[in-house]
Amino acid sequence: MSTTAHHASHPPARRAPAAGWLALLPGLLLTGAIAAAAFALRQIPGLGILSPMILAIVIGIAFHNLIGTPARAKAGVTFSLRRVLRFAIILLGLQLTAAQVAEVGATGIALIAITLVATFTFTKWVGRLLGVDNKLAELIAAGTSICGASAVIATNTVTDAPDEDVAYAVACVTVFGSIAMFVYPLLPGLLGLSPHAYGLWAGASIHEIAQVVAAAYQDGTQAGDFGTIAKLSRVMMLAPVVVGLGFMARRARSTEHSRAKPVPLPWFVVGFVALVIVNSFVTIPAPAKMAIVTATTFLLSVALAAMGLETDIAKLRMKGLRPFFLGLAAFLFIATFSLMLIRMTT
């Protein structure tokens, strides 16, 4: 779309589909190379605890601010950030089945849903108190209450915040999710939590899937398995949240007398739900499932590399520390609120 504007000075002779794909190639190669580098870096001792998505955005930010993103790569970077991201979110549906959701049970699902809604509402409220921009507060709320970086970038398809806001929100949920990953395993004995209760707590309150897996399995296989399933059930809630935010944004913009572009319906959420249904009825062989999980993570890393390539550190600094304190407040809230609910129900 925007690529035509960039090439307005050239004669419009043969703008064939092949030429369009060629224009995307430099950016796709760059984001793909950064994602591959993120996967490679995880082999270094100590970096394996970080998800490739996080490493990809860090490398992207470093590249953009130290070297500069080439103008030729712009079209492919934008494509990675929009289309590749949506496709990756659809593929996330193959990591969840209806049977897994049922395993969490009605009480567990209700607990996760209540925690999500309470955390999202609390974060937006505290964001207003702290004077944090509404869009940035919404992204931090989504990342904390649902599933970290992937929730931030999925939510931004309807929130439409600047890239610096997205990068800041991703940084917040990464920092506090990483803290949770190290602190939570020290607490089950101290708090008297059973493996089942601890797994539910980790799944209901830690930000990223990888962080939940790392923290929950520290307390044994039972806690790890249940924590992962609880977390995937929480990821499932990304669909109604994004659709709901999309409808709210459409209504808000339709009442404004401005020429703001309409909010697109997040069609990729339908694809996500469809693949959950497919995965519930069709048994995908384990090797194929493993390949799909790796491919999904790689594509999400490509999208976050693109995000990094559009993030200006000077603009990030201008945001100040208030959004950081909002992320901290949201993290403390989701940890204590979910623990309180688990204490009441188990």
C-alpha atoms as a PDB file:
ATOM      1  CA  MET A   1       0.000   0.000   0.000  1.00  0.00           C
ATOM      2  CA  SER A   2       2.517   2.588   1.202  1.00  0.00           C
ATOM      3  CA  THR A   3       5.125   1.214  -1.195  1.00  0.00           C
ATOM      4  CA  THR A   4       3.441   2.920  -4.136  1.00  0.00           C
ATOM      5  CA  ALA A   5       3.890   6.268  -2.409  1.00  0.00           C
ATOM      6  CA  HIS A   6       7.610   5.603  -1.975  1.00  0.00           C
ATOM      7  CA  HIS A   7       7.949   4.859  -5.685  1.00  0.00           C
ATOM      8  CA  ALA A   8       5.788   7.718  -6.942  1.00  0.00           C
ATOM      9  CA  SER A   9       8.789   9.352  -8.621  1.00  0.00           C
ATOM     10  CA  HIS A  10       9.414   6.297 -10.818  1.00  0.00           C
ATOM     11  CA  PRO A  11       7.494   5.733 -14.038  1.00  0.00           C
ATOM     12  CA  PRO A  12       4.415   3.550 -13.380  1.00  0.00           C
ATOM     13  CA  ALA A  13       5.308   1.318 -16.352  1.00  0.00           C
ATOM     14  CA  ARG A  14       5.073  -2.287 -15.184  1.00  0.00           C
ATOM     15  CA  ARG A  15       4.000  -2.564 -11.584  1.00  0.00           C
ATOM     16  CA  ALA A  16       3.482  -6.334 -11.793  1.00  0.00           C
ATOM     17  CA  PRO A  17       2.919  -8.491  -8.660  1.00  0.00           C
ATOM     18  CA  ALA A  18       6.469  -9.836  -9.062  1.00  0.00           C
ATOM     19  CA  ALA A  19       7.835  -6.283  -8.785  1.00  0.00           C
ATOM     20  CA  GLY A  20       5.805  -5.798  -5.610  1.00  0.00           C
ATOM     21  CA  TRP A  21       7.343  -8.913  -4.047  1.00  0.00           C
ATOM     22  CA  LEU A  22      10.818  -7.802  -5.124  1.00  0.00           C
ATOM     23  CA  ALA A  23      10.270  -4.522  -3.267  1.00  0.00           C
ATOM     24  CA  LEU A  24       9.504  -6.530  -0.104  1.00  0.00           C
ATOM     25  CA  LEU A  25      12.583  -8.744  -0.414  1.00  0.00           C
ATOM     26  CA  PRO A  26      15.285  -6.533   1.219  1.00  0.00           C
ATOM     27  CA  GLY A  27      13.135  -5.933   4.319  1.00  0.00           C
ATOM     28  CA  LEU A  28      12.049  -9.579   4.583  1.00  0.00           C
ATOM     29  CA  LEU A  29      15.665 -10.727   4.309  1.00  0.00           C
ATOM     30  CA  LEU A  30      16.701  -8.270   7.023  1.00  0.00           C
ATOM     31  CA  THR A  31      13.929  -9.222   9.480  1.00  0.00           C
ATOM     32  CA  GLY A  32      14.485 -12.916   8.719  1.00  0.00           C
ATOM     33  CA  ALA A  33      18.226 -12.597   9.341  1.00  0.00           C
ATOM     34  CA  ILE A  34      17.612 -10.840  12.680  1.00  0.00           C
ATOM     35  CA  ALA A  35      15.129 -13.557  13.733  1.00  0.00           C
ATOM     36  CA  ALA A  36      17.690 -16.241  12.779  1.00  0.00           C
ATOM     37  CA  ALA A  37      20.361 -14.408  14.785  1.00  0.00           C
ATOM     38  CA  ALA A  38      17.984 -14.324  17.780  1.00  0.00           C
ATOM     39  CA  PHE A  39      17.573 -18.112  17.591  1.00  0.00           C
ATOM     40  CA  ALA A  40      21.360 -18.553  17.301  1.00  0.00           C
ATOM     41  CA  LEU A  41      22.052 -16.273  20.294  1.00  0.00           C
ATOM     42  CA  ARG A  42      19.930 -18.521  22.524  1.00  0.00           C
ATOM     43  CA  GLN A  43      22.665 -21.172  22.239  1.00  0.00           C
ATOM     44  CA  ILE A  44      24.958 -18.910  24.293  1.00  0.00           C
ATOM     45  CA  PRO A  45      24.895 -19.970  27.985  1.00  0.00           C
ATOM     46  CA  GLY A  46      22.592 -17.679  29.963  1.00  0.00           C
ATOM     47  CA  LEU A  47      20.682 -16.364  26.940  1.00  0.00           C
ATOM     48  CA  GLY A  48      18.612 -19.537  26.560  1.00  0.00           C
ATOM     49  CA  ILE A  49      16.137 -18.257  29.168  1.00  0.00           C
ATOM     50  CA  LEU A  50      15.172 -15.367  26.863  1.00  0.00           C
ATOM     51  CA  SER A  51      12.660 -15.992  24.109  1.00  0.00           C
ATOM     52  CA  PRO A  52      13.874 -15.403  20.542  1.00  0.00           C
ATOM     53  CA  MET A  53      11.095 -12.808  20.213  1.00  0.00           C
ATOM     54  CA  ILE A  54      12.707 -10.658  22.902  1.00  0.00           C
ATOM     55  CA  LEU A  55      16.205 -11.073  21.444  1.00  0.00           C
ATOM     56  CA  ALA A  56      14.854 -10.190  17.980  1.00  0.00           C
ATOM     57  CA  ILE A  57      13.413  -6.846  19.099  1.00  0.00           C
ATOM     58  CA  VAL A  58      16.637  -6.003  20.979  1.00  0.00           C
ATOM     59  CA  ILE A  59      18.784  -6.765  17.899  1.00  0.00           C
ATOM     60  CA  GLY A  60      16.345  -4.810  15.706  1.00  0.00           C
ATOM     61  CA  ILE A  61      16.481  -1.747  17.981  1.00  0.00           C
ATOM     62  CA  ALA A  62      20.296  -1.927  18.130  1.00  0.00           C
ATOM     63  CA  PHE A  63      20.562  -2.229  14.326  1.00  0.00           C
ATOM     64  CA  HIS A  64      18.164   0.669  13.690  1.00  0.00           C
ATOM     65  CA  ASN A  65      19.787   3.014  16.204  1.00  0.00           C
ATOM     66  CA  LEU A  66      23.449   2.157  15.541  1.00  0.00           C
ATOM     67  CA  ILE A  67      23.461   1.427  11.798  1.00  0.00           C
ATOM     68  CA  GLY A  68      20.076   2.631  10.542  1.00  0.00           C
ATOM     69  CA  THR A  69      17.325   0.745   8.723  1.00  0.00           C
ATOM     70  CA  PRO A  70      17.914   1.104   4.944  1.00  0.00           C
ATOM     71  CA  ALA A  71      15.143   2.894   3.041  1.00  0.00           C
ATOM     72  CA  ARG A  72      15.000  -0.056   0.595  1.00  0.00           C
ATOM     73  CA  ALA A  73      14.032  -2.350   3.492  1.00  0.00           C
ATOM     74  CA  LYS A  74      11.067  -0.231   4.618  1.00  0.00           C
ATOM     75  CA  ALA A  75       8.383  -2.033   2.563  1.00  0.00           C
ATOM     76  CA  GLY A  76       9.481  -5.498   3.726  1.00  0.00           C
ATOM     77  CA  VAL A  77       9.793  -4.362   7.347  1.00  0.00           C
ATOM     78  CA  THR A  78       6.224  -3.026   7.254  1.00  0.00           C
ATOM     79  CA  PHE A  79       5.039  -6.292   5.663  1.00  0.00           C
ATOM     80  CA  SER A  80       6.769  -8.285   8.453  1.00  0.00           C
ATOM     81  CA  LEU A  81       5.172  -6.124  11.104  1.00  0.00           C
ATOM     82  CA  ARG A  82       1.644  -6.429   9.698  1.00  0.00           C
ATOM     83  CA  ARG A  83       1.094  -9.535   7.544  1.00  0.00           C
ATOM     84  CA  VAL A  84       3.722 -11.902   8.984  1.00  0.00           C
ATOM     85  CA  LEU A  85       2.566 -11.047  12.507  1.00  0.00           C
ATOM     86  CA  ARG A  86      -1.086 -11.819  11.757  1.00  0.00           C
ATOM     87  CA  PHE A  87      -0.186 -15.145  10.126  1.00  0.00           C
ATOM     88  CA  ALA A  88       1.924 -16.109  13.165  1.00  0.00           C
ATOM     89  CA  ILE A  89      -0.957 -15.326  15.542  1.00  0.00           C
ATOM     90  CA  ILE A  90      -3.246 -17.551  13.450  1.00  0.00           C
ATOM     91  CA  LEU A  91      -0.678 -20.380  13.782  1.00  0.00           C
ATOM     92  CA  LEU A  92      -0.703 -19.942  17.580  1.00  0.00           C
ATOM     93  CA  GLY A  93      -4.124 -21.628  17.442  1.00  0.00           C
ATOM     94  CA  LEU A  94      -2.404 -24.954  16.706  1.00  0.00           C
ATOM     95  CA  GLN A  95      -0.831 -24.894  20.178  1.00  0.00           C
ATOM     96  CA  LEU A  96      -4.171 -25.242  21.963  1.00  0.00           C
ATOM     97  CA  THR A  97      -7.086 -27.707  21.983  1.00  0.00           C
ATOM     98  CA  ALA A  98     -10.570 -27.617  23.489  1.00  0.00           C
ATOM     99  CA  ALA A  99      -9.602 -30.676  25.603  1.00  0.00           C
ATOM    100  CA  GLN A 100      -6.710 -28.741  27.185  1.00  0.00           C
ATOM    101  CA  VAL A 101      -9.033 -25.880  28.054  1.00  0.00           C
ATOM    102  CA  ALA A 102     -11.457 -28.417  29.600  1.00  0.00           C
ATOM    103  CA  GLU A 103      -8.578 -29.839  31.678  1.00  0.00           C
ATOM    104  CA  VAL A 104      -8.175 -26.496  33.426  1.00  0.00           C
ATOM    105  CA  GLY A 105     -11.810 -26.837  34.513  1.00  0.00           C
ATOM    106  CA  ALA A 106     -14.603 -24.303  34.819  1.00  0.00           C
ATOM    107  CA  THR A 107     -13.188 -22.895  38.074  1.00  0.00           C
ATOM    108  CA  GLY A 108      -9.694 -22.530  36.603  1.00  0.00           C
ATOM    109  CA  ILE A 109     -10.980 -20.862  33.422  1.00  0.00           C
ATOM    110  CA  ALA A 110     -13.181 -18.512  35.464  1.00  0.00           C
ATOM    111  CA  LEU A 111     -10.213 -17.640  37.696  1.00  0.00           C
ATOM    112  CA  ILE A 112      -7.995 -16.900  34.671  1.00  0.00           C
ATOM    113  CA  ALA A 113     -10.742 -14.805  32.999  1.00  0.00           C
ATOM    114  CA  ILE A 114     -11.483 -12.795  36.164  1.00  0.00           C
ATOM    115  CA  THR A 115      -7.760 -12.167  36.693  1.00  0.00           C
ATOM    116  CA  LEU A 116      -7.373 -11.041  33.074  1.00  0.00           C
ATOM    117  CA  VAL A 117     -10.306  -8.611  33.178  1.00  0.00           C
ATOM    118  CA  ALA A 118      -9.332  -7.246  36.624  1.00  0.00           C
ATOM    119  CA  THR A 119      -5.692  -6.746  35.583  1.00  0.00           C
ATOM    120  CA  PHE A 120      -6.615  -5.071  32.297  1.00  0.00           C
ATOM    121  CA  THR A 121      -9.076  -2.724  34.042  1.00  0.00           C
ATOM    122  CA  PHE A 122      -6.661  -1.979  36.926  1.00  0.00           C
ATOM    123  CA  THR A 123      -3.798  -1.204  34.518  1.00  0.00           C
ATOM    124  CA  LYS A 124      -5.891   1.188  32.416  1.00  0.00           C
ATOM    125  CA  TRP A 125      -7.087   2.930  35.632  1.00  0.00           C
ATOM    126  CA  VAL A 126      -3.574   3.293  37.098  1.00  0.00           C
ATOM    127  CA  GLY A 127      -2.354   4.449  33.673  1.00  0.00           C
ATOM    128  CA  ARG A 128      -4.822   7.350  33.841  1.00  0.00           C
ATOM    129  CA  LEU A 129      -3.703   8.167  37.410  1.00  0.00           C
ATOM    130  CA  LEU A 130      -0.040   8.193  36.364  1.00  0.00           C
ATOM    131  CA  GLY A 131      -0.756  10.226  33.242  1.00  0.00           C
ATOM    132  CA  VAL A 132       0.445   7.493  30.878  1.00  0.00           C
ATOM    133  CA  ASP A 133      -0.836   7.827  27.300  1.00  0.00           C
ATOM    134  CA  ASN A 134      -4.031   5.777  26.874  1.00  0.00           C
ATOM    135  CA  LYS A 135      -2.702   3.690  23.959  1.00  0.00           C
ATOM    136  CA  LEU A 136       0.527   2.799  25.756  1.00  0.00           C
ATOM    137  CA  ALA A 137      -1.430   1.903  28.916  1.00  0.00           C
ATOM    138  CA  GLU A 138      -3.691  -0.353  26.821  1.00  0.00           C
ATOM    139  CA  LEU A 139      -0.686  -2.203  25.378  1.00  0.00           C
ATOM    140  CA  ILE A 140       0.911  -2.701  28.820  1.00  0.00           C
ATOM    141  CA  ALA A 141      -2.493  -3.897  30.094  1.00  0.00           C
ATOM    142  CA  ALA A 142      -2.798  -6.440  27.270  1.00  0.00           C
ATOM    143  CA  GLY A 143       0.779  -7.693  27.604  1.00  0.00           C
ATOM    144  CA  THR A 144       0.490  -8.161  31.362  1.00  0.00           C
ATOM    145  CA  SER A 145      -3.004  -9.634  31.473  1.00  0.00           C
ATOM    146  CA  ILE A 146      -2.855 -11.975  28.441  1.00  0.00           C
ATOM    147  CA  CYS A 147       0.432 -13.203  26.968  1.00  0.00           C
ATOM    148  CA  GLY A 148       3.317 -10.769  26.897  1.00  0.00           C
ATOM    149  CA  ALA A 149       4.885  -9.539  23.653  1.00  0.00           C
ATOM    150  CA  SER A 150       2.529 -11.410  21.303  1.00  0.00           C
ATOM    151  CA  ALA A 151      -0.510  -9.868  23.075  1.00  0.00           C
ATOM    152  CA  VAL A 152       1.059  -6.396  22.830  1.00  0.00           C
ATOM    153  CA  ILE A 153       1.597  -6.638  19.082  1.00  0.00           C
ATOM    154  CA  ALA A 154      -1.766  -8.363  18.462  1.00  0.00           C
ATOM    155  CA  THR A 155      -3.599  -5.688  20.475  1.00  0.00           C
ATOM    156  CA  ASN A 156      -1.811  -2.957  18.557  1.00  0.00           C
ATOM    157  CA  THR A 157      -3.565  -4.068  15.362  1.00  0.00           C
ATOM    158  CA  VAL A 158      -6.619  -2.288  16.798  1.00  0.00           C
ATOM    159  CA  THR A 159      -4.967   0.137  19.277  1.00  0.00           C
ATOM    160  CA  ASP A 160      -2.757   1.570  16.494  1.00  0.00           C
ATOM    161  CA  ALA A 161      -0.160   3.088  18.842  1.00  0.00           C
ATOM    162  CA  PRO A 162       3.238   4.421  17.673  1.00  0.00           C
ATOM    163  CA  ASP A 163       5.993   1.789  17.331  1.00  0.00           C
ATOM    164  CA  GLU A 164       7.843   3.313  20.301  1.00  0.00           C
ATOM    165  CA  ASP A 165       4.805   2.608  22.504  1.00  0.00           C
ATOM    166  CA  VAL A 166       4.796  -1.013  21.340  1.00  0.00           C
ATOM    167  CA  ALA A 167       8.537  -1.363  22.016  1.00  0.00           C
ATOM    168  CA  TYR A 168       8.136   0.182  25.481  1.00  0.00           C
ATOM    169  CA  ALA A 169       5.226  -2.132  26.332  1.00  0.00           C
ATOM    170  CA  VAL A 170       7.192  -5.178  25.103  1.00  0.00           C
ATOM    171  CA  ALA A 171      10.159  -4.076  27.247  1.00  0.00           C
ATOM    172  CA  CYS A 172       7.912  -3.730  30.322  1.00  0.00           C
ATOM    173  CA  VAL A 173       6.303  -7.150  30.030  1.00  0.00           C
ATOM    174  CA  THR A 174       9.689  -8.729  29.275  1.00  0.00           C
ATOM    175  CA  VAL A 175      11.378  -7.230  32.341  1.00  0.00           C
ATOM    176  CA  PHE A 176       8.610  -8.106  34.789  1.00  0.00           C
ATOM    177  CA  GLY A 177       7.881 -11.488  33.227  1.00  0.00           C
ATOM    178  CA  SER A 178      11.587 -12.345  33.563  1.00  0.00           C
ATOM    179  CA  ILE A 179      11.559 -11.280  37.221  1.00  0.00           C
ATOM    180  CA  ALA A 180       8.530 -13.539  37.797  1.00  0.00           C
ATOM    181  CA  MET A 181      10.329 -16.422  36.054  1.00  0.00           C
ATOM    182  CA  PHE A 182      13.138 -16.267  38.638  1.00  0.00           C
ATOM    183  CA  VAL A 183      11.105 -15.353  41.748  1.00  0.00           C
ATOM    184  CA  TYR A 184       8.063 -17.660  41.427  1.00  0.00           C
ATOM    185  CA  PRO A 185       9.992 -20.967  41.792  1.00  0.00           C
ATOM    186  CA  LEU A 186      11.216 -19.786  45.228  1.00  0.00           C
ATOM    187  CA  LEU A 187       7.650 -19.372  46.529  1.00  0.00           C
ATOM    188  CA  PRO A 188       5.574 -22.636  46.367  1.00  0.00           C
ATOM    189  CA  GLY A 189       6.972 -23.988  49.677  1.00  0.00           C
ATOM    190  CA  LEU A 190       6.842 -20.579  51.330  1.00  0.00           C
ATOM    191  CA  LEU A 191       3.209 -20.057  50.308  1.00  0.00           C
ATOM    192  CA  GLY A 192       2.174 -23.698  50.843  1.00  0.00           C
ATOM    193  CA  LEU A 193       1.029 -24.163  47.240  1.00  0.00           C
ATOM    194  CA  SER A 194       0.414 -27.642  45.801  1.00  0.00           C
ATOM    195  CA  PRO A 195       1.961 -28.374  42.353  1.00  0.00           C
ATOM    196  CA  HIS A 196      -1.536 -27.940  40.826  1.00  0.00           C
ATOM    197  CA  ALA A 197      -2.141 -24.586  42.567  1.00  0.00           C
ATOM    198  CA  TYR A 198       1.371 -23.344  41.760  1.00  0.00           C
ATOM    199  CA  GLY A 199       0.998 -24.318  38.079  1.00  0.00           C
ATOM    200  CA  LEU A 200      -2.337 -22.486  37.905  1.00  0.00           C
ATOM    201  CA  TRP A 201      -0.813 -19.395  39.565  1.00  0.00           C
ATOM    202  CA  ALA A 202       2.143 -19.351  37.143  1.00  0.00           C
ATOM    203  CA  GLY A 203      -0.148 -19.880  34.130  1.00  0.00           C
ATOM    204  CA  ALA A 204      -2.651 -17.249  35.262  1.00  0.00           C
ATOM    205  CA  SER A 205      -0.164 -14.488  36.063  1.00  0.00           C
ATOM    206  CA  ILE A 206       3.252 -14.767  34.336  1.00  0.00           C
ATOM    207  CA  HIS A 207       3.514 -12.834  31.078  1.00  0.00           C
ATOM    208  CA  GLU A 208       5.107 -14.996  28.321  1.00  0.00           C
ATOM    209  CA  ILE A 209       4.463 -18.679  27.511  1.00  0.00           C
ATOM    210  CA  ALA A 210       8.222 -19.388  27.644  1.00  0.00           C
ATOM    211  CA  GLN A 211       8.487 -17.695  31.057  1.00  0.00           C
ATOM    212  CA  VAL A 212       5.573 -19.768  32.409  1.00  0.00           C
ATOM    213  CA  VAL A 213       7.176 -22.993  31.159  1.00  0.00           C
ATOM    214  CA  ALA A 214      10.524 -22.065  32.734  1.00  0.00           C
ATOM    215  CA  ALA A 215       8.975 -21.111  36.097  1.00  0.00           C
ATOM    216  CA  ALA A 216       6.329 -23.849  36.395  1.00  0.00           C
ATOM    217  CA  TYR A 217       8.581 -26.849  35.618  1.00  0.00           C
ATOM    218  CA  GLN A 218      10.932 -25.761  38.420  1.00  0.00           C
ATOM    219  CA  ASP A 219       8.325 -27.226  40.782  1.00  0.00           C
ATOM    220  CA  GLY A 220       8.090 -30.557  38.927  1.00  0.00           C
ATOM    221  CA  THR A 221       6.331 -32.101  35.919  1.00  0.00           C
ATOM    222  CA  GLN A 222       2.795 -31.841  37.319  1.00  0.00           C
ATOM    223  CA  ALA A 223       3.162 -28.121  38.040  1.00  0.00           C
ATOM    224  CA  GLY A 224       4.849 -27.563  34.660  1.00  0.00           C
ATOM    225  CA  ASP A 225       2.243 -29.408  32.602  1.00  0.00           C
ATOM    226  CA  PHE A 226      -0.664 -27.713  34.344  1.00  0.00           C
ATOM    227  CA  GLY A 227       0.984 -24.285  34.238  1.00  0.00           C
ATOM    228  CA  THR A 228       1.513 -24.588  30.477  1.00  0.00           C
ATOM    229  CA  ILE A 229      -2.102 -25.635  29.835  1.00  0.00           C
ATOM    230  CA  ALA A 230      -3.413 -22.843  32.087  1.00  0.00           C
ATOM    231  CA  LYS A 231      -1.260 -20.349  30.196  1.00  0.00           C
ATOM    232  CA  LEU A 232      -2.449 -21.580  26.786  1.00  0.00           C
ATOM    233  CA  SER A 233      -6.055 -21.226  27.998  1.00  0.00           C
ATOM    234  CA  ARG A 234      -5.215 -17.630  28.868  1.00  0.00           C
ATOM    235  CA  VAL A 235      -3.717 -17.115  25.383  1.00  0.00           C
ATOM    236  CA  MET A 236      -7.086 -18.272  23.970  1.00  0.00           C
ATOM    237  CA  MET A 237      -8.645 -15.202  25.591  1.00  0.00           C
ATOM    238  CA  LEU A 238      -6.572 -12.998  23.290  1.00  0.00           C
ATOM    239  CA  ALA A 239      -9.262 -13.520  20.624  1.00  0.00           C
ATOM    240  CA  PRO A 240     -12.264 -12.004  22.477  1.00  0.00           C
ATOM    241  CA  VAL A 241     -10.111  -9.223  23.970  1.00  0.00           C
ATOM    242  CA  VAL A 242      -8.773  -8.056  20.579  1.00  0.00           C
ATOM    243  CA  VAL A 243     -12.234  -8.297  18.978  1.00  0.00           C
ATOM    244  CA  GLY A 244     -13.779  -6.396  21.919  1.00  0.00           C
ATOM    245  CA  LEU A 245     -11.126  -3.654  21.793  1.00  0.00           C
ATOM    246  CA  GLY A 246     -11.611  -3.441  18.029  1.00  0.00           C
ATOM    247  CA  PHE A 247     -15.349  -2.866  18.380  1.00  0.00           C
ATOM    248  CA  MET A 248     -14.792  -0.268  21.134  1.00  0.00           C
ATOM    249  CA  ALA A 249     -12.235   1.547  18.985  1.00  0.00           C
ATOM    250  CA  ARG A 250     -14.604   1.519  15.980  1.00  0.00           C
ATOM    251  CA  ARG A 251     -17.421   2.969  18.086  1.00  0.00           C
ATOM    252  CA  ALA A 252     -15.136   5.629  19.581  1.00  0.00           C
ATOM    253  CA  ARG A 253     -13.919   6.698  16.150  1.00  0.00           C
ATOM    254  CA  SER A 254     -17.379   6.696  14.600  1.00  0.00           C
ATOM    255  CA  THR A 255     -18.571   9.162  17.270  1.00  0.00           C
ATOM    256  CA  GLU A 256     -15.598  11.453  16.647  1.00  0.00           C
ATOM    257  CA  HIS A 257     -16.062  13.977  13.857  1.00  0.00           C
ATOM    258  CA  SER A 258     -12.652  13.320  12.427  1.00  0.00           C
ATOM    259  CA  ARG A 259     -11.274  11.654   9.354  1.00  0.00           C
ATOM    260  CA  ALA A 260      -9.425   9.052  11.414  1.00  0.00           C
ATOM    261  CA  LYS A 261      -9.021   5.807   9.533  1.00  0.00           C
ATOM    262  CA  PRO A 262     -11.529   3.122  10.583  1.00  0.00           C
ATOM    263  CA  VAL A 263     -10.309   0.309  12.832  1.00  0.00           C
ATOM    264  CA  PRO A 264     -10.065  -2.940  10.847  1.00  0.00           C
ATOM    265  CA  LEU A 265     -11.822  -6.002  12.218  1.00  0.00           C
ATOM    266  CA  PRO A 266      -9.097  -8.385  13.429  1.00  0.00           C
ATOM    267  CA  TRP A 267      -9.881 -11.176  10.934  1.00  0.00           C
ATOM    268  CA  PHE A 268      -6.762 -13.082  12.003  1.00  0.00           C
ATOM    269  CA  VAL A 269      -8.481 -13.798  15.351  1.00  0.00           C
ATOM    270  CA  VAL A 270     -11.069 -15.843  13.424  1.00  0.00           C
ATOM    271  CA  GLY A 271      -8.192 -17.816  11.909  1.00  0.00           C
ATOM    272  CA  PHE A 272      -6.706 -18.369  15.372  1.00  0.00           C
ATOM    273  CA  VAL A 273      -9.999 -19.775  16.715  1.00  0.00           C
ATOM    274  CA  ALA A 274     -10.485 -21.883  13.564  1.00  0.00           C
ATOM    275  CA  LEU A 275      -7.086 -23.541  14.054  1.00  0.00           C
ATOM    276  CA  VAL A 276      -7.876 -24.239  17.718  1.00  0.00           C
ATOM    277  CA  ILE A 277     -10.979 -26.089  16.477  1.00  0.00           C
ATOM    278  CA  VAL A 278      -8.959 -27.957  13.817  1.00  0.00           C
ATOM    279  CA  ASN A 279      -6.329 -28.894  16.418  1.00  0.00           C
ATOM    280  CA  SER A 280      -9.101 -30.181  18.711  1.00  0.00           C
ATOM    281  CA  PHE A 281     -10.407 -32.677  16.138  1.00  0.00           C
ATOM    282  CA  VAL A 282      -7.381 -33.508  13.970  1.00  0.00           C
ATOM    283  CA  THR A 283      -4.361 -35.210  15.521  1.00  0.00           C
ATOM    284  CA  ILE A 284      -1.226 -33.530  14.195  1.00  0.00           C
ATOM    285  CA  PRO A 285       1.843 -35.830  14.434  1.00  0.00           C
ATOM    286  CA  ALA A 286       4.327 -34.787  17.158  1.00  0.00           C
ATOM    287  CA  PRO A 287       7.214 -33.969  14.744  1.00  0.00           C
ATOM    288  CA  ALA A 288       4.894 -31.779  12.627  1.00  0.00           C
ATOM    289  CA  LYS A 289       3.535 -30.087  15.773  1.00  0.00           C
ATOM    290  CA  MET A 290       7.105 -29.356  16.919  1.00  0.00           C
ATOM    291  CA  ALA A 291       7.945 -27.864  13.514  1.00  0.00           C
ATOM    292  CA  ILE A 292       4.798 -25.672  13.615  1.00  0.00           C
ATOM    293  CA  VAL A 293       5.652 -24.382  17.131  1.00  0.00           C
ATOM    294  CA  THR A 294       9.194 -23.488  15.976  1.00  0.00           C
ATOM    295  CA  ALA A 295       7.886 -21.850  12.770  1.00  0.00           C
ATOM    296  CA  THR A 296       5.326 -19.819  14.766  1.00  0.00           C
ATOM    297  CA  THR A 297       8.020 -18.577  17.168  1.00  0.00           C
ATOM    298  CA  PHE A 298      10.277 -17.723  14.218  1.00  0.00           C
ATOM    299  CA  LEU A 299       7.523 -15.720  12.480  1.00  0.00           C
ATOM    300  CA  LEU A 300       6.706 -13.854  15.705  1.00  0.00           C
ATOM    301  CA  SER A 301      10.446 -13.111  16.020  1.00  0.00           C
ATOM    302  CA  VAL A 302      10.444 -11.752  12.432  1.00  0.00           C
ATOM    303  CA  ALA A 303       7.552  -9.435  13.387  1.00  0.00           C
ATOM    304  CA  LEU A 304       9.351  -8.237  16.522  1.00  0.00           C
ATOM    305  CA  ALA A 305      12.584  -7.730  14.570  1.00  0.00           C
ATOM    306  CA  ALA A 306      10.549  -5.422  12.302  1.00  0.00           C
ATOM    307  CA  MET A 307       9.220  -3.647  15.384  1.00  0.00           C
ATOM    308  CA  GLY A 308      12.796  -3.072  16.573  1.00  0.00           C
ATOM    309  CA  LEU A 309      13.799  -1.744  13.147  1.00  0.00           C
ATOM    310  CA  GLU A 310      11.164   0.977  13.490  1.00  0.00           C
ATOM    311  CA  THR A 311      11.938   1.937  17.105  1.00  0.00           C
ATOM    312  CA  ASP A 312      13.820   5.115  17.903  1.00  0.00           C
ATOM    313  CA  ILE A 313      15.569   5.042  21.309  1.00  0.00           C
ATOM    314  CA  ALA A 314      15.387   8.851  21.589  1.00  0.00           C
ATOM    315  CA  LYS A 315      11.572   8.626  21.361  1.00  0.00           C
ATOM    316  CA  LEU A 316      11.565   5.819  23.930  1.00  0.00           C
ATOM    317  CA  ARG A 317      13.473   8.017  26.387  1.00  0.00           C
ATOM    318  CA  MET A 318      10.875  10.745  25.972  1.00  0.00           C
ATOM    319  CA  LYS A 319       8.259   8.367  27.450  1.00  0.00           C
ATOM    320  CA  GLY A 320      10.005   8.619  30.840  1.00  0.00           C
ATOM    321  CA  LEU A 321       9.626   6.204  33.760  1.00  0.00           C
ATOM    322  CA  ARG A 322       5.886   6.478  34.351  1.00  0.00           C
ATOM    323  CA  PRO A 323       4.982   3.675  31.918  1.00  0.00           C
ATOM    324  CA  PHE A 324       7.664   1.522  33.603  1.00  0.00           C
ATOM    325  CA  PHE A 325       6.027   2.051  37.004  1.00  0.00           C
ATOM    326  CA  LEU A 326       2.679   1.216  35.384  1.00  0.00           C
ATOM    327  CA  GLY A 327       4.165  -2.103  34.209  1.00  0.00           C
ATOM    328  CA  LEU A 328       5.439  -2.761  37.739  1.00  0.00           C
ATOM    329  CA  ALA A 329       2.026  -1.990  39.282  1.00  0.00           C
ATOM    330  CA  ALA A 330       0.298  -4.263  36.750  1.00  0.00           C
ATOM    331  CA  PHE A 331       2.763  -7.098  37.484  1.00  0.00           C
ATOM    332  CA  LEU A 332       2.300  -6.837  41.262  1.00  0.00           C
ATOM    333  CA  PHE A 333      -1.476  -6.699  40.833  1.00  0.00           C
ATOM    334  CA  ILE A 334      -1.781  -9.783  38.611  1.00  0.00           C
ATOM    335  CA  ALA A 335       0.543 -11.785  40.901  1.00  0.00           C
ATOM    336  CA  THR A 336      -1.301 -10.939  44.133  1.00  0.00           C
ATOM    337  CA  PHE A 337      -4.852 -10.911  42.738  1.00  0.00           C
ATOM    338  CA  SER A 338      -4.530 -14.333  41.066  1.00  0.00           C
ATOM    339  CA  LEU A 339      -2.862 -15.789  44.172  1.00  0.00           C
ATOM    340  CA  MET A 340      -5.747 -14.487  46.313  1.00  0.00           C
ATOM    341  CA  LEU A 341      -8.298 -16.137  43.993  1.00  0.00           C
ATOM    342  CA  ILE A 342      -6.378 -19.446  44.044  1.00  0.00           C
ATOM    343  CA  ARG A 343      -6.273 -19.338  47.857  1.00  0.00           C
ATOM    344  CA  MET A 344     -10.049 -18.844  47.898  1.00  0.00           C
ATOM    345  CA  THR A 345     -10.861 -21.631  45.420  1.00  0.00           C
ATOM    346  CA  THR A 346      -8.312 -24.417  46.081  1.00  0.00           C
END
